[in-house]
């Protein structure tokens, strides 16, 4: 069974709290130890996109894509859901 929202959100918090230094395998080891399902490489790639855009809280892949597409063409800087990281 694949990871669900809670698993992916937990993985994001683990990755973020590490200072974005963990690998996919390390995140999955921690997730399993906490009773979560492992995330897929696509989710890990998504974490990197969230980091680049400064998103502080986990946003699902499809919702993030919608948010970005709505922002395209705007002259305002992108404000991710939940504000900026850091």
Protein backbone atom coordinates (compact mmCIF):
# COMPACT_ATOMS: atom_id res chain seq x y z
CA UNK A 1 0.00 0.00 0.00
CA UNK A 2 1.30 3.46 -0.84
CA UNK A 3 1.81 6.38 1.49
CA UNK A 4 -1.19 8.55 2.25
CA UNK A 5 -1.48 12.21 3.20
CA UNK A 6 -0.48 11.66 6.85
CA UNK A 7 2.56 9.63 5.84
CA UNK A 8 3.68 12.26 3.33
CA UNK A 9 3.07 15.10 5.79
CA UNK A 10 5.06 13.26 8.48
CA UNK A 11 7.87 12.68 5.99
CA UNK A 12 7.92 16.40 5.13
CA UNK A 13 8.25 17.30 8.82
CA UNK A 14 11.07 14.77 9.23
CA UNK A 15 12.87 16.14 6.17
CA UNK A 16 12.35 19.75 7.23
CA UNK A 17 13.50 19.13 10.82
CA UNK A 18 16.71 17.54 9.50
CA UNK A 19 17.60 20.79 7.76
CA UNK A 20 16.73 19.09 4.45
CA UNK A 21 19.73 16.78 4.73
CA UNK A 22 18.13 13.32 4.79
CA UNK A 23 17.90 10.99 1.83
CA UNK A 24 14.74 9.24 0.70
CA UNK A 25 15.95 6.00 2.32
CA UNK A 26 16.64 7.74 5.63
CA UNK A 27 13.23 9.42 5.65
CA UNK A 28 11.56 6.09 4.90
CA UNK A 29 13.46 4.35 7.70
CA UNK A 30 12.23 6.98 10.18
CA UNK A 31 8.69 6.85 8.81
CA UNK A 32 8.58 3.06 9.22
CA UNK A 33 9.94 3.33 12.77
CA UNK A 34 7.07 5.73 13.57
CA UNK A 35 4.44 3.41 12.09
CA UNK A 36 4.02 5.26 8.78
CA UNK A 37 4.20 3.92 5.26
CA UNK A 38 7.25 4.86 3.15
CA UNK A 39 7.03 7.64 0.60
CA UNK A 40 7.77 7.25 -3.11
CA UNK A 41 10.60 8.98 -5.01
CA UNK A 42 7.96 11.27 -6.57
CA UNK A 43 7.01 12.50 -3.08
CA UNK A 44 10.65 13.10 -2.20
CA UNK A 45 11.03 15.14 -5.42
CA UNK A 46 7.93 17.08 -4.35
CA UNK A 47 9.55 17.84 -0.98
CA UNK A 48 12.42 19.44 -2.86
CA UNK A 49 9.98 21.60 -4.83
CA UNK A 50 8.26 22.65 -1.60
CA UNK A 51 11.63 23.61 -0.15
CA UNK A 52 12.62 25.63 -3.24
CA UNK A 53 9.33 27.55 -3.05
CA UNK A 54 9.68 28.12 0.69
CA UNK A 55 6.56 26.25 1.75
CA UNK A 56 6.56 25.69 5.53
CA UNK A 57 3.75 23.10 5.77
CA UNK A 58 3.11 20.04 3.67
CA UNK A 59 0.88 20.62 0.65
CA UNK A 60 -0.15 17.61 -1.50
CA UNK A 61 1.38 17.43 -4.98
CA UNK A 62 -1.82 18.15 -6.92
CA UNK A 63 -2.85 21.04 -4.67
CA UNK A 64 0.60 22.58 -4.96
CA UNK A 65 0.47 22.31 -8.75
CA UNK A 66 -2.93 24.06 -8.74
CA UNK A 67 -1.62 26.81 -6.46
CA UNK A 68 1.38 27.39 -8.71
CA UNK A 69 -0.71 27.39 -11.90
CA UNK A 70 -3.06 29.99 -10.42
CA UNK A 71 -0.08 32.17 -9.61
CA UNK A 72 1.47 32.05 -13.10
CA UNK A 73 1.25 35.40 -14.80
CA UNK A 74 0.95 37.26 -11.51
CA UNK A 75 3.38 40.09 -10.90
CA UNK A 76 3.33 39.32 -7.16
CA UNK A 77 5.88 36.92 -5.64
CA UNK A 78 4.50 33.44 -5.07
CA UNK A 79 3.16 33.10 -1.51
CA UNK A 80 2.90 29.41 -0.71
CA UNK A 81 0.08 28.09 1.44
CA UNK A 82 0.98 28.68 5.08
CA UNK A 83 3.47 31.46 4.32
CA UNK A 84 7.20 31.34 3.69
CA UNK A 85 9.75 28.98 5.24
CA UNK A 86 12.27 30.37 7.67
